[in-house]
Amino acid sequence: MGRTGRTVDKVTDGDTFKIKRNIRGSRFVRIAGVDTPERGEGGSRLHVLL
């Protein structure tokens, strides 16, 4: 099974973003408990694989 992914810039703890999958629609991912800068401090870069 192939994986799809998305790279998101300026991620902060508590962010929710949408990842579009090729076959089965979309998934929403919420970032929680990740050591990232606080909102307004620039954020981090994150790559998510599903």
N, C-alpha and C. Protein backbone atom coordinates (compact mmCIF):
# COMPACT_ATOMS: atom_id res chain seq x y z
N MET A 1 0.84 -1.18 0.00
CA MET A 1 0.00 0.00 0.00
C MET A 1 0.89 1.24 0.00
N GLY A 2 0.65 2.14 -0.92
CA GLY A 2 1.43 3.36 -0.99
C GLY A 2 1.02 4.35 0.08
N ARG A 3 1.92 5.19 0.44
CA ARG A 3 1.62 6.21 1.43
C ARG A 3 1.57 7.56 0.76
N THR A 4 0.71 8.41 1.26
CA THR A 4 0.68 9.78 0.78
C THR A 4 1.15 10.66 1.92
N GLY A 5 1.65 11.80 1.60
CA GLY A 5 2.15 12.68 2.64
C GLY A 5 1.98 14.13 2.28
N ARG A 6 2.26 14.95 3.26
CA ARG A 6 2.18 16.39 3.07
C ARG A 6 3.19 17.03 4.00
N THR A 7 3.88 18.03 3.50
CA THR A 7 4.79 18.81 4.32
C THR A 7 4.10 20.12 4.65
N VAL A 8 4.08 20.44 5.92
CA VAL A 8 3.41 21.65 6.39
C VAL A 8 4.43 22.52 7.10
N ASP A 9 4.50 23.78 6.73
CA ASP A 9 5.40 24.73 7.39
C ASP A 9 4.67 25.49 8.48
N LYS A 10 5.41 26.03 9.40
CA LYS A 10 4.89 26.87 10.49
C LYS A 10 3.84 26.15 11.32
N VAL A 11 4.14 24.91 11.71
CA VAL A 11 3.25 24.12 12.54
C VAL A 11 3.48 24.46 14.01
N THR A 12 2.41 24.65 14.74
CA THR A 12 2.51 24.85 16.18
C THR A 12 1.60 23.86 16.88
N ASP A 13 1.84 23.62 18.15
CA ASP A 13 1.06 22.67 18.94
C ASP A 13 -0.41 23.06 18.92
N GLY A 14 -1.28 22.11 18.62
CA GLY A 14 -2.72 22.36 18.58
C GLY A 14 -3.26 22.66 17.20
N ASP A 15 -2.40 22.79 16.19
CA ASP A 15 -2.86 23.05 14.83
C ASP A 15 -3.62 21.84 14.27
N THR A 16 -4.59 22.10 13.43
CA THR A 16 -5.31 21.06 12.69
C THR A 16 -5.18 21.39 11.21
N PHE A 17 -4.83 20.40 10.40
CA PHE A 17 -4.74 20.66 8.97
C PHE A 17 -5.23 19.44 8.21
N LYS A 18 -5.58 19.64 6.96
CA LYS A 18 -6.19 18.62 6.12
C LYS A 18 -5.15 18.00 5.20
N ILE A 19 -5.18 16.67 5.09
CA ILE A 19 -4.32 15.96 4.17
C ILE A 19 -5.20 15.25 3.16
N LYS A 20 -5.03 15.57 1.91
CA LYS A 20 -5.83 14.97 0.83
C LYS A 20 -5.18 13.65 0.42
N ARG A 21 -5.96 12.58 0.46
CA ARG A 21 -5.47 11.28 0.02
C ARG A 21 -5.98 11.01 -1.39
N ASN A 22 -5.22 10.28 -2.16
CA ASN A 22 -5.56 10.04 -3.56
C ASN A 22 -6.85 9.23 -3.74
N ILE A 23 -7.04 8.20 -2.94
CA ILE A 23 -8.14 7.27 -3.18
C ILE A 23 -9.29 7.44 -2.20
N ARG A 24 -9.01 7.58 -0.94
CA ARG A 24 -10.06 7.53 0.08
C ARG A 24 -10.40 8.88 0.68
N GLY A 25 -10.37 9.91 -0.08
CA GLY A 25 -10.79 11.22 0.42
C GLY A 25 -9.72 11.93 1.22
N SER A 26 -10.16 12.63 2.27
CA SER A 26 -9.27 13.47 3.06
C SER A 26 -9.23 13.00 4.51
N ARG A 27 -8.17 13.34 5.18
CA ARG A 27 -8.02 13.09 6.61
C ARG A 27 -7.63 14.40 7.27
N PHE A 28 -8.08 14.58 8.49
CA PHE A 28 -7.66 15.74 9.26
C PHE A 28 -6.69 15.27 10.33
N VAL A 29 -5.61 15.99 10.51
CA VAL A 29 -4.59 15.65 11.49
C VAL A 29 -4.48 16.81 12.46
N ARG A 30 -4.49 16.51 13.74
CA ARG A 30 -4.30 17.55 14.75
C ARG A 30 -2.97 17.30 15.44
N ILE A 31 -2.17 18.33 15.51
CA ILE A 31 -0.87 18.24 16.15
C ILE A 31 -1.07 18.48 17.65
N ALA A 32 -0.67 17.51 18.45
CA ALA A 32 -0.83 17.65 19.90
C ALA A 32 0.37 17.00 20.60
N GLY A 33 0.88 17.67 21.58
CA GLY A 33 1.98 17.13 22.37
C GLY A 33 3.31 17.07 21.64
N VAL A 34 3.47 17.88 20.62
CA VAL A 34 4.73 17.92 19.87
C VAL A 34 5.51 19.14 20.34
N ASP A 35 6.81 18.97 20.50
CA ASP A 35 7.64 20.08 20.96
C ASP A 35 7.86 21.05 19.79
N THR A 36 6.95 22.02 19.68
CA THR A 36 7.03 23.03 18.63
C THR A 36 6.97 24.40 19.28
N PRO A 37 7.43 25.43 18.58
CA PRO A 37 7.31 26.78 19.13
C PRO A 37 5.84 27.16 19.35
N GLU A 38 5.61 28.06 20.26
CA GLU A 38 4.25 28.54 20.51
C GLU A 38 3.74 29.31 19.30
N ARG A 39 2.43 29.38 19.18
CA ARG A 39 1.80 30.13 18.08
C ARG A 39 2.34 31.56 18.09
N GLY A 40 2.68 32.07 16.92
CA GLY A 40 3.21 33.42 16.81
C GLY A 40 4.73 33.48 16.84
N GLU A 41 5.39 32.35 17.13
CA GLU A 41 6.85 32.33 17.18
C GLU A 41 7.47 31.70 15.93
N GLY A 42 6.68 31.51 14.89
CA GLY A 42 7.23 30.99 13.64
C GLY A 42 6.88 29.56 13.33
N GLY A 43 6.81 28.69 14.30
CA GLY A 43 6.44 27.30 14.06
C GLY A 43 7.56 26.45 13.50
N SER A 44 7.26 25.18 13.27
CA SER A 44 8.22 24.20 12.77
C SER A 44 7.73 23.63 11.45
N ARG A 45 8.61 22.90 10.79
CA ARG A 45 8.23 22.21 9.55
C ARG A 45 7.95 20.75 9.90
N LEU A 46 6.86 20.20 9.38
CA LEU A 46 6.44 18.85 9.71
C LEU A 46 6.05 18.11 8.44
N HIS A 47 6.48 16.86 8.32
CA HIS A 47 6.06 16.02 7.19
C HIS A 47 5.26 14.86 7.76
N VAL A 48 4.04 14.70 7.28
CA VAL A 48 3.13 13.66 7.78
C VAL A 48 2.90 12.63 6.69
N LEU A 49 3.07 11.35 7.03
CA LEU A 49 2.78 10.25 6.12
C LEU A 49 1.56 9.52 6.61
N LEU A 50 0.66 9.16 5.69
CA LEU A 50 -0.52 8.36 6.05
C LEU A 50 -0.47 7.06 5.30
